Amino acid sequence: MSSDDTSDRSSTGVRHRQRTALVTGASGYIGGRVTERLLGEGWRVRVLARSPEKLPDAWRERVEVAEGDANSAADLARALEGVDVAWFLIHSMGGDDDFAATDRRIATAFADAAKKAGVQRIVYLGGLHPEGEQLSPHLASRVEVGRILMDSGVPTAAVQAGVVLGNGSASFDMLRTLSERLPGSVGPRWLQNRIQPIHVDDIIHYLIRAADLPRELTRSFDVGGPDVLSYADMMSRYAAIQGLGPRPSVTAPVWTPRLASYWISLVTPIAANMARPLVESLHHDNVVLERDLDKLVGAPQGGTIGFDEAVRRETVGVDQYRFWKLLGATGAAVAVTAAAGVAATVPATRWFKSLDKPVWQPPNQVFGPVWTALYADLAFVSAVHLADLLDEEKADEAREYAAALGVNLVLNGGWSWVFWQLRSMPAATGVAAALAASSADLVRRVGRHKERGFVLAPYAAWAVFATALTAELWRRNR
């Protein structure tokens, strides 16, 4: 690299050394935005990545990639060599019971390596939290990581934020999809706790400007937008901005973070192990207690962005009715299937009454309610799954699932005609077996969220039961 590549010229003609940044977590939402902003401001940017192929194409070729693991002291030493400012944007969001120990180990190794490499400043993104309260495990871990970095001997700015309002942020995606897909909310008292969300552009501003804090200053800083709201308020205001109608909220003390995370994973694109720490953070008031960073580095131009404006900016081009349109489509498809089955089914015939039936066959009046519930289950899970795929711009996968669902419904409705009208039990057994296999395939397809697979599993199980019953009728009545 030439000297021209490692320096820039000021308006006075004096050449200054180009500063070098290391960004960890660059493949994540915030890390990627920090990397883009640093490149735009003329930094030489290095990123630490275990899987470089996961880095965004938009800037992958413009950064220096240090392939390695934040758990490795050797990889950290190589990545931090010659770095002026390091952004530590790593935090365990999974369900591993040892996440706190993992976070502690990585933060300690990073702090030691940064000290040895002579890094001039560490910038860390932590979470807003109240003082003097017992924090949730994930939030407590984030606070602990901040303390480890601040105790490293390297000047450290721990920027503490709450819900980040940005298309692609897990917290915003959860808020958006819950507000769009649910007519209201049922949850515990913490739905009413105070939250001070911040727009993504504002948090990136603070993270970047923290690199310019006075030398040797080490401390935490609270940042947030201008609005203090409850989560229920945010859902209601989101729905009002999008023209979705009211979103009433009811408290129910039986909800635990684990149960809430399962429900969120069923309804939204956020996996349960990701949803749980987001839910746990809502157990506390997450509000700004001081605005010292504004005084030291300046607020964003024009001030921080309010909640309503943030929602408008981050939902441009978003179809807020997508889920309901899809639910209408899947609901109509299963309704047609049900109607076709009902039209073909005639259990009062002399032929059916004369069949030798196993003792474990349910009464005829059971089948109607069971199939109604299972059809509703299939329509809802399919609509949620298709909505997620289309939101993620996975149109090919959405088409494949829609085709698989269509085949399943044809087999479902076709069985009634083969069994009741053609009275061919060998053929009906074959159709039932194909339906069972197709239903299991649908469970597999939605199973990237275990909760959806679990909810759809009864449909597949009933198809297996129907296959066994049809085969037994065939065996008994040859």
Protein backbone atom coordinates (compact mmCIF):
# COMPACT_ATOMS: atom_id res chain seq x y z
CA MET A 1 0.00 0.00 0.00
CA SER A 2 1.45 3.37 -1.01
CA SER A 3 1.77 6.38 1.28
CA ASP A 4 -1.08 8.00 -0.63
CA ASP A 5 -3.28 5.10 0.41
CA THR A 6 -2.56 5.52 4.11
CA SER A 7 -2.94 9.28 4.44
CA ASP A 8 -5.17 12.12 3.42
CA ARG A 9 -4.56 15.79 2.74
CA SER A 10 -6.30 18.55 4.70
CA SER A 11 -7.45 21.86 3.23
CA THR A 12 -4.10 23.39 4.27
CA GLY A 13 -2.18 20.84 2.24
CA VAL A 14 -0.77 19.08 5.33
CA ARG A 15 -0.84 15.32 5.01
CA HIS A 16 -2.32 13.40 7.96
CA ARG A 17 -2.16 9.68 8.61
CA GLN A 18 -5.36 7.87 7.75
CA ARG A 19 -6.85 6.30 10.86
CA THR A 20 -7.35 2.54 10.99
CA ALA A 21 -10.51 1.00 12.43
CA LEU A 22 -11.29 -2.55 13.42
CA VAL A 23 -14.96 -3.51 13.42
CA THR A 24 -16.09 -6.73 15.06
CA GLY A 25 -19.58 -8.02 14.32
CA ALA A 26 -19.44 -6.43 10.86
CA SER A 27 -21.77 -9.05 9.40
CA GLY A 28 -24.48 -7.91 11.82
CA TYR A 29 -26.95 -5.08 11.32
CA ILE A 30 -25.22 -2.42 13.41
CA GLY A 31 -21.70 -3.59 12.56
CA GLY A 32 -22.44 -3.37 8.86
CA ARG A 33 -23.81 0.15 9.18
CA VAL A 34 -20.79 1.26 11.25
CA THR A 35 -18.46 -0.17 8.60
CA GLU A 36 -20.26 1.68 5.81
CA ARG A 37 -20.12 4.98 7.69
CA LEU A 38 -16.43 4.61 8.50
CA LEU A 39 -15.63 3.93 4.86
CA GLY A 40 -17.64 6.97 3.87
CA GLU A 41 -15.66 9.12 6.29
CA GLY A 42 -12.31 7.99 4.91
CA TRP A 43 -11.18 5.47 7.51
CA ARG A 44 -9.09 2.48 6.62
CA VAL A 45 -11.39 -0.31 7.81
CA ARG A 46 -10.49 -3.82 8.87
CA VAL A 47 -13.14 -6.31 9.94
CA LEU A 48 -12.76 -9.47 12.00
CA ALA A 49 -14.91 -12.23 10.53
CA ARG A 50 -15.11 -15.99 10.98
CA SER A 51 -17.00 -16.32 7.70
CA PRO A 52 -15.94 -13.57 5.25
CA GLU A 53 -18.46 -14.83 2.69
CA LYS A 54 -21.25 -13.58 4.97
CA LEU A 55 -20.06 -9.99 4.77
CA PRO A 56 -22.26 -7.67 2.65
CA ASP A 57 -21.29 -7.48 -1.02
CA ALA A 58 -21.75 -3.69 -0.92
CA TRP A 59 -18.44 -3.11 0.86
CA ARG A 60 -16.68 -6.47 1.19
CA GLU A 61 -14.05 -5.57 -1.40
CA ARG A 62 -13.38 -2.18 0.19
CA VAL A 63 -12.30 -3.46 3.60
CA GLU A 64 -9.39 -5.49 4.86
CA VAL A 65 -10.75 -8.79 6.15
CA ALA A 66 -9.00 -10.39 9.11
CA GLU A 67 -10.36 -13.91 9.00
CA GLY A 68 -10.48 -15.30 12.49
CA ASP A 69 -12.35 -15.91 15.71
CA ALA A 70 -12.83 -13.48 18.58
CA ASN A 71 -12.13 -16.43 20.90
CA SER A 72 -8.57 -16.72 19.56
CA ALA A 73 -5.87 -14.55 21.13
CA ALA A 74 -3.67 -15.01 18.04
CA ASP A 75 -6.47 -13.96 15.67
CA LEU A 76 -7.23 -10.93 17.83
CA ALA A 77 -3.58 -9.90 17.93
CA ARG A 78 -3.35 -10.00 14.12
CA ALA A 79 -6.64 -8.15 13.68
CA LEU A 80 -5.74 -5.38 16.14
CA GLU A 81 -2.21 -4.74 14.89
CA GLY A 82 -1.88 -1.07 13.89
CA VAL A 83 -5.51 -0.26 14.80
CA ASP A 84 -6.34 3.19 16.18
CA VAL A 85 -9.98 2.61 17.20
CA ALA A 86 -11.75 -0.73 17.66
CA TRP A 87 -15.53 -1.15 17.64
CA PHE A 88 -16.59 -4.08 19.82
CA LEU A 89 -20.06 -5.01 18.53
CA ILE A 90 -20.22 -8.65 19.60
CA HIS A 91 -22.86 -10.01 21.94
CA SER A 92 -24.28 -13.50 22.36
CA MET A 93 -27.96 -13.47 21.44
CA GLY A 94 -28.49 -17.23 21.36
CA GLY A 95 -29.97 -19.54 23.95
CA ASP A 96 -26.69 -21.09 25.09
CA ASP A 97 -26.75 -21.36 28.89
CA ASP A 98 -23.07 -20.39 28.92
CA PHE A 99 -23.55 -17.17 26.96
CA ALA A 100 -22.44 -14.98 29.89
CA ALA A 101 -19.22 -16.94 30.30
CA THR A 102 -18.65 -16.79 26.54
CA ASP A 103 -19.20 -13.02 26.49
CA ARG A 104 -16.88 -12.58 29.47
CA ARG A 105 -14.14 -14.67 27.88
CA ILE A 106 -14.30 -12.88 24.51
CA ALA A 107 -14.42 -9.42 26.10
CA THR A 108 -11.44 -10.19 28.34
CA ALA A 109 -9.41 -11.54 25.43
CA PHE A 110 -10.32 -8.53 23.28
CA ALA A 111 -9.44 -6.07 26.05
CA ASP A 112 -6.05 -7.72 26.62
CA ALA A 113 -5.24 -7.83 22.91
CA ALA A 114 -6.29 -4.18 22.41
CA LYS A 115 -4.05 -3.11 25.29
CA LYS A 116 -1.05 -4.99 23.90
CA ALA A 117 -1.66 -3.62 20.38
CA GLY A 118 -1.71 -0.01 21.62
CA VAL A 119 -5.27 0.66 20.48
CA GLN A 120 -6.18 4.26 21.31
CA ARG A 121 -9.89 3.71 21.93
CA ILE A 122 -12.54 1.00 22.15
CA VAL A 123 -16.16 1.80 21.29
CA TYR A 124 -18.74 -0.66 22.62
CA LEU A 125 -22.49 -0.88 22.10
CA GLY A 126 -24.28 -1.84 25.30
CA GLY A 127 -27.86 -1.61 26.51
CA LEU A 128 -29.79 1.01 28.42
CA HIS A 129 -30.57 -0.19 31.93
CA PRO A 130 -31.76 1.17 35.27
CA GLU A 131 -29.40 1.55 38.19
CA GLY A 132 -29.81 -0.55 41.32
CA GLU A 133 -32.05 -3.26 39.85
CA GLN A 134 -31.38 -6.94 39.27
CA LEU A 135 -31.00 -7.12 35.52
CA SER A 136 -32.02 -9.90 33.16
CA PRO A 137 -29.18 -12.35 32.38
CA HIS A 138 -28.53 -11.00 28.88
CA LEU A 139 -28.68 -7.35 29.90
CA ALA A 140 -26.46 -8.05 32.92
CA SER A 141 -23.97 -9.72 30.58
CA ARG A 142 -23.88 -6.65 28.34
CA VAL A 143 -23.20 -4.44 31.36
CA GLU A 144 -20.43 -6.80 32.48
CA VAL A 145 -18.80 -6.71 29.05
CA GLY A 146 -18.80 -2.93 29.17
CA ARG A 147 -17.08 -2.98 32.55
CA ILE A 148 -14.42 -5.42 31.32
CA LEU A 149 -13.62 -3.19 28.36
CA MET A 150 -13.60 -0.03 30.47
CA ASP A 151 -11.23 -1.69 32.96
CA SER A 152 -8.84 -2.74 30.18
CA GLY A 153 -6.58 0.31 30.40
CA VAL A 154 -7.65 1.28 26.86
CA PRO A 155 -9.86 4.41 26.75
CA THR A 156 -13.35 3.01 26.22
CA ALA A 157 -16.74 4.49 25.39
CA ALA A 158 -19.64 2.18 26.26
CA VAL A 159 -22.57 3.60 24.28
CA GLN A 160 -25.80 2.32 25.81
CA ALA A 161 -28.96 2.19 23.69
CA GLY A 162 -32.38 0.57 23.85
CA VAL A 163 -34.65 -0.54 21.00
CA VAL A 164 -33.06 0.35 17.65
CA LEU A 165 -35.58 1.47 15.03
CA GLY A 166 -34.21 0.30 11.70
CA ASN A 167 -35.34 -2.07 8.96
CA GLY A 168 -33.15 -5.12 9.61
CA SER A 169 -32.75 -4.56 13.32
CA ALA A 170 -34.11 -7.60 15.20
CA SER A 171 -35.87 -5.38 17.75
CA PHE A 172 -37.57 -3.35 15.02
CA ASP A 173 -38.48 -6.41 12.95
CA MET A 174 -40.11 -7.90 16.04
CA LEU A 175 -42.07 -4.70 16.71
CA ARG A 176 -43.10 -4.35 13.07
CA THR A 177 -44.34 -7.90 12.54
CA LEU A 178 -46.12 -8.13 15.91
CA SER A 179 -47.91 -4.87 15.15
CA GLU A 180 -48.82 -5.92 11.60
CA ARG A 181 -49.83 -9.51 12.26
CA LEU A 182 -51.66 -9.29 15.59
CA PRO A 183 -54.93 -7.39 16.15
CA GLY A 184 -53.80 -6.73 19.72
CA SER A 185 -51.34 -7.90 22.36
CA VAL A 186 -51.56 -10.05 25.46
CA GLY A 187 -48.56 -9.96 27.74
CA PRO A 188 -47.27 -9.36 31.26
CA ARG A 189 -46.90 -6.04 33.06
CA TRP A 190 -43.59 -5.25 31.38
CA LEU A 191 -45.48 -4.36 28.20
CA GLN A 192 -46.11 -1.10 30.05
CA ASN A 193 -42.48 -0.44 31.07
CA ARG A 194 -40.88 2.72 29.71
CA ILE A 195 -38.67 2.45 26.60
CA GLN A 196 -36.69 5.16 24.82
CA PRO A 197 -36.07 3.84 21.28
CA ILE A 198 -33.49 5.32 18.92
CA HIS A 199 -33.35 5.48 15.13
CA VAL A 200 -30.52 3.53 13.53
CA ASP A 201 -28.97 6.63 11.94
CA ASP A 202 -28.72 8.24 15.37
CA ILE A 203 -27.06 5.28 17.08
CA ILE A 204 -24.56 5.03 14.21
CA HIS A 205 -23.82 8.76 14.65
CA TYR A 206 -23.00 8.26 18.33
CA LEU A 207 -20.92 5.13 17.73
CA ILE A 208 -18.81 6.87 15.09
CA ARG A 209 -18.41 10.16 16.94
CA ALA A 210 -17.38 8.34 20.12
CA ALA A 211 -14.04 7.70 18.39
CA ASP A 212 -13.31 11.42 18.76
CA LEU A 213 -13.87 11.68 22.52
CA PRO A 214 -11.15 13.36 24.58
CA ARG A 215 -8.12 11.13 25.00
CA GLU A 216 -8.14 8.87 28.07
CA LEU A 217 -11.87 9.43 28.74
CA THR A 218 -13.42 6.13 29.78
CA ARG A 219 -17.07 5.81 30.76
CA SER A 220 -20.55 4.77 29.65
CA PHE A 221 -22.98 7.05 27.83
CA ASP A 222 -26.77 6.78 27.48
CA VAL A 223 -28.28 7.55 24.09
CA GLY A 224 -31.88 7.52 22.91
CA GLY A 225 -34.46 9.24 20.79
CA PRO A 226 -36.81 11.98 21.98
CA ASP A 227 -39.80 9.73 22.79
CA VAL A 228 -40.40 7.64 25.93
CA LEU A 229 -43.02 4.96 25.27
CA SER A 230 -44.16 1.56 26.48
CA TYR A 231 -43.93 -1.43 24.14
CA ALA A 232 -47.72 -1.47 23.95
CA ASP A 233 -47.62 2.22 23.00
CA MET A 234 -45.09 1.50 20.25
CA MET A 235 -47.29 -1.23 18.79
CA SER A 236 -50.33 1.06 18.84
CA ARG A 237 -48.44 3.99 17.31
CA TYR A 238 -46.86 1.78 14.65
CA ALA A 239 -50.31 0.47 13.70
CA ALA A 240 -51.75 4.00 13.61
CA ILE A 241 -48.93 5.27 11.38
CA GLN A 242 -49.48 2.34 9.01
CA GLY A 243 -53.25 2.70 9.02
CA LEU A 244 -53.77 -0.72 10.59
CA GLY A 245 -56.36 0.27 13.17
CA PRO A 246 -56.22 0.06 16.99
CA ARG A 247 -54.02 -2.46 18.78
CA PRO A 248 -55.45 -2.98 22.29
CA SER A 249 -53.17 -4.45 24.96
CA VAL A 250 -54.15 -6.76 27.82
CA THR A 251 -51.83 -7.89 30.61
CA ALA A 252 -51.62 -11.58 31.56
CA PRO A 253 -49.25 -12.51 34.41
CA VAL A 254 -48.79 -16.10 33.20
CA TRP A 255 -46.43 -15.00 30.42
CA THR A 256 -42.77 -15.78 31.07
CA PRO A 257 -39.86 -14.72 28.84
CA ARG A 258 -39.57 -18.29 27.58
CA LEU A 259 -43.25 -18.54 26.66
CA ALA A 260 -43.19 -15.09 25.12
CA SER A 261 -40.14 -15.99 23.01
CA TYR A 262 -41.92 -19.10 21.68
CA TRP A 263 -44.99 -17.05 20.75
CA ILE A 264 -42.85 -14.39 19.07
CA SER A 265 -40.98 -17.04 17.09
CA LEU A 266 -44.30 -18.46 15.90
CA VAL A 267 -45.66 -15.10 14.73
CA THR A 268 -42.55 -13.16 13.65
CA PRO A 269 -39.31 -13.92 11.77
CA ILE A 270 -37.33 -13.71 15.05
CA ALA A 271 -36.17 -17.13 16.29
CA ALA A 272 -36.96 -17.96 19.92
CA ASN A 273 -33.31 -17.90 21.03
CA MET A 274 -33.04 -14.39 19.57
CA ALA A 275 -36.40 -13.24 20.89
CA ARG A 276 -35.75 -14.19 24.49
CA PRO A 277 -33.01 -11.62 25.23
CA LEU A 278 -35.09 -8.97 23.46
CA VAL A 279 -38.05 -9.87 25.65
CA GLU A 280 -35.94 -9.96 28.80
CA SER A 281 -34.67 -6.44 28.14
CA LEU A 282 -38.27 -5.21 28.31
CA HIS A 283 -38.47 -6.24 31.97
CA HIS A 284 -36.78 -2.97 32.89
CA ASP A 285 -37.34 0.69 32.13
CA ASN A 286 -34.90 1.44 29.30
CA VAL A 287 -34.60 5.22 29.36
CA VAL A 288 -31.81 7.75 29.04
CA LEU A 289 -30.49 9.00 32.38
CA GLU A 290 -27.97 11.50 30.96
CA ARG A 291 -27.09 13.13 27.62
CA ASP A 292 -23.38 13.78 28.18
CA LEU A 293 -22.34 12.36 24.80
CA ASP A 294 -24.29 15.16 23.08
CA LYS A 295 -22.21 17.71 24.99
CA LEU A 296 -18.91 16.03 24.13
CA VAL A 297 -19.33 15.08 20.45
CA GLY A 298 -22.58 16.77 19.42
CA ALA A 299 -26.06 15.47 18.73
CA PRO A 300 -27.06 14.30 15.24
CA GLN A 301 -27.74 17.18 12.87
CA GLY A 302 -31.28 18.35 13.46
CA GLY A 303 -31.53 16.33 16.67
CA THR A 304 -32.50 12.71 17.21
CA ILE A 305 -35.35 11.31 15.13
CA GLY A 306 -38.73 10.74 16.80
CA PHE A 307 -40.55 7.40 16.82
CA ASP A 308 -43.20 8.30 14.24
CA GLU A 309 -40.69 9.66 11.73
CA ALA A 310 -38.39 6.68 12.29
CA VAL A 311 -41.23 4.26 11.50
CA ARG A 312 -42.11 6.17 8.33
CA ARG A 313 -38.51 6.13 7.13
CA GLU A 314 -37.97 2.45 7.86
CA THR A 315 -41.18 1.15 6.29
CA VAL A 316 -40.92 2.76 2.87
CA GLY A 317 -41.92 0.05 0.40
CA VAL A 318 -43.10 -2.31 3.15
CA ASP A 319 -46.45 -4.01 2.49
CA GLN A 320 -47.99 -3.82 5.96
CA TYR A 321 -50.94 -5.96 4.82
CA ARG A 322 -48.84 -8.77 3.35
CA PHE A 323 -49.56 -11.25 6.14
CA TRP A 324 -53.30 -10.64 6.05
CA LYS A 325 -53.39 -10.95 2.26
CA LEU A 326 -51.54 -14.24 2.49
CA LEU A 327 -53.77 -15.46 5.32
CA GLY A 328 -56.76 -14.67 3.12
CA ALA A 329 -55.20 -16.69 0.29
CA THR A 330 -54.21 -19.71 2.39
CA GLY A 331 -57.52 -19.55 4.24
CA ALA A 332 -59.43 -19.56 0.94
CA ALA A 333 -57.36 -22.47 -0.35
CA VAL A 334 -58.01 -24.65 2.67
CA ALA A 335 -61.69 -23.62 2.65
CA VAL A 336 -62.01 -24.85 -0.95
CA THR A 337 -60.25 -28.07 0.05
CA ALA A 338 -62.60 -28.53 3.00
CA ALA A 339 -65.65 -27.85 0.83
CA ALA A 340 -64.46 -30.40 -1.74
CA GLY A 341 -63.99 -32.97 0.99
CA VAL A 342 -67.41 -32.30 2.50
CA ALA A 343 -69.06 -32.58 -0.93
CA ALA A 344 -67.56 -36.03 -1.44
CA THR A 345 -68.07 -37.39 2.08
CA VAL A 346 -71.22 -39.49 2.62
CA PRO A 347 -70.78 -41.60 5.79
CA ALA A 348 -74.49 -42.48 5.94
CA THR A 349 -74.28 -44.86 2.95
CA ARG A 350 -75.05 -48.55 3.31
CA TRP A 351 -71.58 -49.33 1.90
CA PHE A 352 -69.72 -47.47 4.66
CA LYS A 353 -72.00 -48.77 7.40
CA SER A 354 -71.31 -52.33 6.27
CA LEU A 355 -67.54 -51.99 6.56
CA ASP A 356 -65.70 -53.82 9.32
CA LYS A 357 -64.10 -50.99 11.32
CA PRO A 358 -61.38 -51.09 13.98
CA VAL A 359 -62.37 -50.22 17.55
CA TRP A 360 -59.89 -47.31 17.53
CA GLN A 361 -61.70 -45.46 14.74
CA PRO A 362 -63.12 -42.21 16.19
CA PRO A 363 -66.86 -41.47 15.92
CA ASN A 364 -67.85 -39.78 12.66
CA GLN A 365 -68.76 -36.53 14.44
CA VAL A 366 -65.15 -36.10 15.58
CA PHE A 367 -63.69 -35.70 12.10
CA GLY A 368 -65.39 -32.40 11.25
CA PRO A 369 -64.12 -30.36 14.25
CA VAL A 370 -60.67 -31.93 14.06
CA TRP A 371 -60.22 -31.16 10.37
CA THR A 372 -61.55 -27.61 10.88
CA ALA A 373 -58.93 -26.93 13.57
CA LEU A 374 -56.18 -28.51 11.49
CA TYR A 375 -57.13 -26.53 8.39
CA ALA A 376 -57.00 -23.29 10.41
CA ASP A 377 -53.60 -24.35 11.75
CA LEU A 378 -52.31 -25.02 8.23
CA ALA A 379 -53.61 -21.72 6.86
CA PHE A 380 -52.09 -19.62 9.68
CA VAL A 381 -48.66 -21.25 9.77
CA SER A 382 -48.41 -21.18 5.97
CA ALA A 383 -49.33 -17.48 5.83
CA VAL A 384 -46.71 -16.57 8.45
CA HIS A 385 -44.04 -18.63 6.73
CA LEU A 386 -44.77 -17.19 3.29
CA ALA A 387 -44.85 -13.64 4.68
CA ASP A 388 -41.39 -14.12 6.20
CA LEU A 389 -39.96 -15.54 2.98
CA LEU A 390 -41.32 -12.64 0.93
CA ASP A 391 -40.14 -10.07 3.50
CA GLU A 392 -36.66 -11.63 3.20
CA GLU A 393 -36.92 -11.45 -0.61
CA LYS A 394 -36.79 -15.23 -0.94
CA ALA A 395 -39.37 -15.41 -3.69
CA ASP A 396 -38.10 -18.75 -5.02
CA GLU A 397 -38.51 -20.42 -1.64
CA ALA A 398 -41.95 -18.87 -1.29
CA ARG A 399 -43.00 -20.28 -4.66
CA GLU A 400 -41.64 -23.71 -3.72
CA TYR A 401 -43.59 -23.70 -0.46
CA ALA A 402 -46.77 -22.50 -2.19
CA ALA A 403 -46.43 -25.32 -4.72
CA ALA A 404 -45.87 -27.88 -1.95
CA LEU A 405 -48.93 -26.54 -0.13
CA GLY A 406 -50.98 -26.78 -3.32
CA VAL A 407 -49.99 -30.43 -3.82
CA ASN A 408 -50.85 -31.14 -0.20
CA LEU A 409 -54.32 -29.63 -0.51
CA VAL A 410 -55.03 -31.52 -3.75
CA LEU A 411 -54.09 -34.77 -2.01
CA ASN A 412 -56.17 -33.79 1.00
CA GLY A 413 -59.31 -33.06 -0.98
CA GLY A 414 -58.65 -35.90 -3.43
CA TRP A 415 -58.65 -38.54 -0.69
CA SER A 416 -62.32 -37.94 0.05
CA TRP A 417 -63.28 -38.45 -3.58
CA VAL A 418 -61.19 -41.59 -3.97
CA PHE A 419 -62.47 -43.13 -0.74
CA TRP A 420 -66.11 -42.05 -0.66
CA GLN A 421 -66.98 -41.77 -4.36
CA LEU A 422 -64.69 -44.30 -6.03
CA ARG A 423 -64.72 -46.55 -2.94
CA SER A 424 -61.21 -47.73 -3.82
CA MET A 425 -59.48 -48.40 -0.54
CA PRO A 426 -56.13 -49.40 -2.11
CA ALA A 427 -56.03 -46.10 -4.01
CA ALA A 428 -57.28 -44.19 -0.97
CA THR A 429 -54.50 -45.72 1.12
CA GLY A 430 -51.95 -44.60 -1.44
CA VAL A 431 -53.36 -41.07 -1.52
CA ALA A 432 -53.38 -40.93 2.28
CA ALA A 433 -49.76 -42.07 2.42
CA ALA A 434 -48.80 -39.40 -0.11
CA LEU A 435 -50.71 -36.83 1.96
CA ALA A 436 -48.83 -37.88 5.09
CA ALA A 437 -45.49 -37.54 3.31
CA SER A 438 -46.50 -34.15 1.88
CA SER A 439 -47.63 -32.95 5.31
CA ALA A 440 -44.34 -34.03 6.88
CA ASP A 441 -42.55 -32.08 4.14
CA LEU A 442 -44.51 -28.93 5.01
CA VAL A 443 -43.51 -29.36 8.66
CA ARG A 444 -39.88 -29.67 7.53
CA ARG A 445 -40.12 -26.52 5.43
CA VAL A 446 -41.51 -24.34 8.23
CA GLY A 447 -39.25 -26.02 10.78
CA ARG A 448 -36.50 -23.40 10.58
CA HIS A 449 -38.62 -22.00 13.42
CA LYS A 450 -39.12 -25.01 15.67
CA GLU A 451 -42.26 -23.47 17.11
CA ARG A 452 -43.95 -23.40 13.71
CA GLY A 453 -42.96 -26.99 13.05
CA PHE A 454 -44.36 -27.96 16.45
CA VAL A 455 -47.67 -26.17 15.78
CA LEU A 456 -48.04 -27.70 12.31
CA ALA A 457 -47.03 -31.21 13.45
CA PRO A 458 -50.60 -32.21 14.50
CA TYR A 459 -51.70 -31.76 10.89
CA ALA A 460 -49.01 -34.19 9.72
CA ALA A 461 -49.74 -36.56 12.61
CA TRP A 462 -53.44 -36.66 11.70
CA ALA A 463 -52.53 -37.43 8.09
CA VAL A 464 -50.41 -40.35 9.35
CA PHE A 465 -53.35 -41.49 11.48
CA ALA A 466 -55.68 -41.23 8.45
CA THR A 467 -53.25 -43.36 6.45
CA ALA A 468 -53.15 -46.02 9.15
CA LEU A 469 -56.97 -46.01 9.45
CA THR A 470 -57.49 -46.25 5.69
CA ALA A 471 -54.97 -49.10 5.42
CA GLU A 472 -56.68 -50.95 8.26
CA LEU A 473 -60.10 -50.56 6.61
CA TRP A 474 -58.60 -51.95 3.41
CA ARG A 475 -57.10 -54.93 5.27
CA ARG A 476 -60.34 -55.74 7.08
CA ASN A 477 -62.60 -55.43 4.05
CA ARG A 478 -60.74 -57.07 1.17
